[in-house]
C-alpha atoms as a PDB file:
ATOM      1  CA  UNK A   1     111.173 118.822  84.774  1.00  0.00           C
ATOM      2  CA  UNK A   2     114.001 116.349  84.386  1.00  0.00           C
ATOM      3  CA  UNK A   3     113.372 112.621  84.717  1.00  0.00           C
ATOM      4  CA  UNK A   4     115.426 112.288  87.925  1.00  0.00           C
ATOM      5  CA  UNK A   5     113.558 115.189  89.504  1.00  0.00           C
ATOM      6  CA  UNK A   6     110.214 113.725  88.427  1.00  0.00           C
ATOM      7  CA  UNK A   7     111.051 110.314  89.900  1.00  0.00           C
ATOM      8  CA  UNK A   8     112.097 111.869  93.211  1.00  0.00           C
ATOM      9  CA  UNK A   9     108.935 113.971  93.433  1.00  0.00           C
ATOM     10  CA  UNK A  10     106.701 111.043  92.507  1.00  0.00           C
ATOM     11  CA  UNK A  11     108.447 108.771  94.990  1.00  0.00           C
ATOM     12  CA  UNK A  12     108.180 111.374  97.735  1.00  0.00           C
ATOM     13  CA  UNK A  13     104.459 111.837  97.047  1.00  0.00           C
ATOM     14  CA  UNK A  14     103.912 108.069  97.244  1.00  0.00           C
ATOM     15  CA  UNK A  15     105.864 107.949 100.501  1.00  0.00           C
ATOM     16  CA  UNK A  16     103.783 110.772 101.995  1.00  0.00           C
ATOM     17  CA  UNK A  17     100.522 109.033 101.028  1.00  0.00           C
ATOM     18  CA  UNK A  18     101.798 105.803 102.598  1.00  0.00           C
ATOM     19  CA  UNK A  19     102.881 107.541 105.793  1.00  0.00           C
ATOM     20  CA  UNK A  20      99.578 109.435 106.126  1.00  0.00           C
ATOM     21  CA  UNK A  21      97.859 106.067 106.073  1.00  0.00           C
ATOM     22  CA  UNK A  22     100.298 104.798 108.711  1.00  0.00           C
ATOM     23  CA  UNK A  23     101.457 101.968 106.469  1.00  0.00           C
ATOM     24  CA  UNK A  24     104.959 100.579 106.638  1.00  0.00           C
ATOM     25  CA  UNK A  25     106.923  99.953 103.480  1.00  0.00           C
ATOM     26  CA  UNK A  26     106.558  96.250 104.268  1.00  0.00           C
ATOM     27  CA  UNK A  27     102.768  96.491 104.369  1.00  0.00           C
ATOM     28  CA  UNK A  28     102.631  98.517 101.145  1.00  0.00           C
ATOM     29  CA  UNK A  29     104.875  95.944  99.468  1.00  0.00           C
ATOM     30  CA  UNK A  30     102.546  93.179 100.599  1.00  0.00           C
ATOM     31  CA  UNK A  31      99.368  94.996  99.533  1.00  0.00           C
ATOM     32  CA  UNK A  32     100.775  95.968  96.140  1.00  0.00           C
ATOM     33  CA  UNK A  33     102.529  92.656  95.442  1.00  0.00           C
ATOM     34  CA  UNK A  34     105.851  94.463  94.975  1.00  0.00           C
ATOM     35  CA  UNK A  35     109.093  93.726  96.766  1.00  0.00           C
ATOM     36  CA  UNK A  36     110.093  95.746  99.806  1.00  0.00           C
ATOM     37  CA  UNK A  37     113.300  96.849  98.091  1.00  0.00           C
ATOM     38  CA  UNK A  38     111.324  98.012  95.036  1.00  0.00           C
ATOM     39  CA  UNK A  39     109.063 100.177  97.222  1.00  0.00           C
ATOM     40  CA  UNK A  40     112.163 101.733  98.788  1.00  0.00           C
ATOM     41  CA  UNK A  41     113.755 102.407  95.394  1.00  0.00           C
ATOM     42  CA  UNK A  42     110.539 104.016  94.114  1.00  0.00           C
ATOM     43  CA  UNK A  43     110.052 106.169  97.210  1.00  0.00           C
ATOM     44  CA  UNK A  44     113.631 107.458  96.942  1.00  0.00           C
ATOM     45  CA  UNK A  45     113.255 108.096  93.211  1.00  0.00           C
ATOM     46  CA  UNK A  46     116.038 105.650  92.402  1.00  0.00           C
ATOM     47  CA  UNK A  47     114.043 103.460  90.032  1.00  0.00           C
ATOM     48  CA  UNK A  48     111.613 104.186  87.230  1.00  0.00           C
ATOM     49  CA  UNK A  49     108.174 102.867  87.951  1.00  0.00           C
ATOM     50  CA  UNK A  50     106.130 101.099  85.296  1.00  0.00           C
ATOM     51  CA  UNK A  51     102.503 102.021  84.800  1.00  0.00           C
ATOM     52  CA  UNK A  52     101.527  98.520  85.922  1.00  0.00           C
ATOM     53  CA  UNK A  53     103.422  98.819  89.221  1.00  0.00           C
ATOM     54  CA  UNK A  54     102.212 102.382  89.733  1.00  0.00           C
ATOM     55  CA  UNK A  55      98.627 101.179  89.425  1.00  0.00           C
ATOM     56  CA  UNK A  56      99.276  98.322  91.884  1.00  0.00           C
ATOM     57  CA  UNK A  57     100.756 100.763  94.415  1.00  0.00           C
ATOM     58  CA  UNK A  58      97.987 103.313  93.800  1.00  0.00           C
ATOM     59  CA  UNK A  59      95.361 100.621  94.343  1.00  0.00           C
ATOM     60  CA  UNK A  60      97.027  99.527  97.584  1.00  0.00           C
ATOM     61  CA  UNK A  61      97.008 103.157  98.764  1.00  0.00           C
ATOM     62  CA  UNK A  62      93.438 103.648  97.480  1.00  0.00           C
ATOM     63  CA  UNK A  63      94.575 106.660  95.454  1.00  0.00           C
ATOM     64  CA  UNK A  64      92.470 108.475  92.919  1.00  0.00           C
ATOM     65  CA  UNK A  65      95.140 108.274  90.234  1.00  0.00           C
ATOM     66  CA  UNK A  66      93.739 111.185  88.230  1.00  0.00           C
ATOM     67  CA  UNK A  67      93.823 113.519  91.218  1.00  0.00           C
ATOM     68  CA  UNK A  68      97.200 112.220  92.355  1.00  0.00           C
ATOM     69  CA  UNK A  69      98.838 112.702  88.951  1.00  0.00           C
ATOM     70  CA  UNK A  70      97.538 116.264  88.463  1.00  0.00           C
ATOM     71  CA  UNK A  71     100.638 117.491  90.320  1.00  0.00           C
ATOM     72  CA  UNK A  72     102.845 115.841  87.710  1.00  0.00           C
ATOM     73  CA  UNK A  73     101.320 117.072  84.453  1.00  0.00           C
ATOM     74  CA  UNK A  74     104.352 119.081  83.291  1.00  0.00           C
ATOM     75  CA  UNK A  75     107.141 116.799  82.074  1.00  0.00           C
END
């Protein structure tokens, strides 16, 4: 899997988790202490996400990171 493809798939998965919880991007940004524009970039796969920011977003979404990342085990 290419990096761009990975980022788009990861961003889409984050977006789907957020939408299932009926959270706006604004609310996720607030809960994760990230900027609204950053959340948008991540969800569209336009920006690489650091482990630190991934963990902040995952915590805000109450994700089990191990389960969530199983889909992305093949680089």
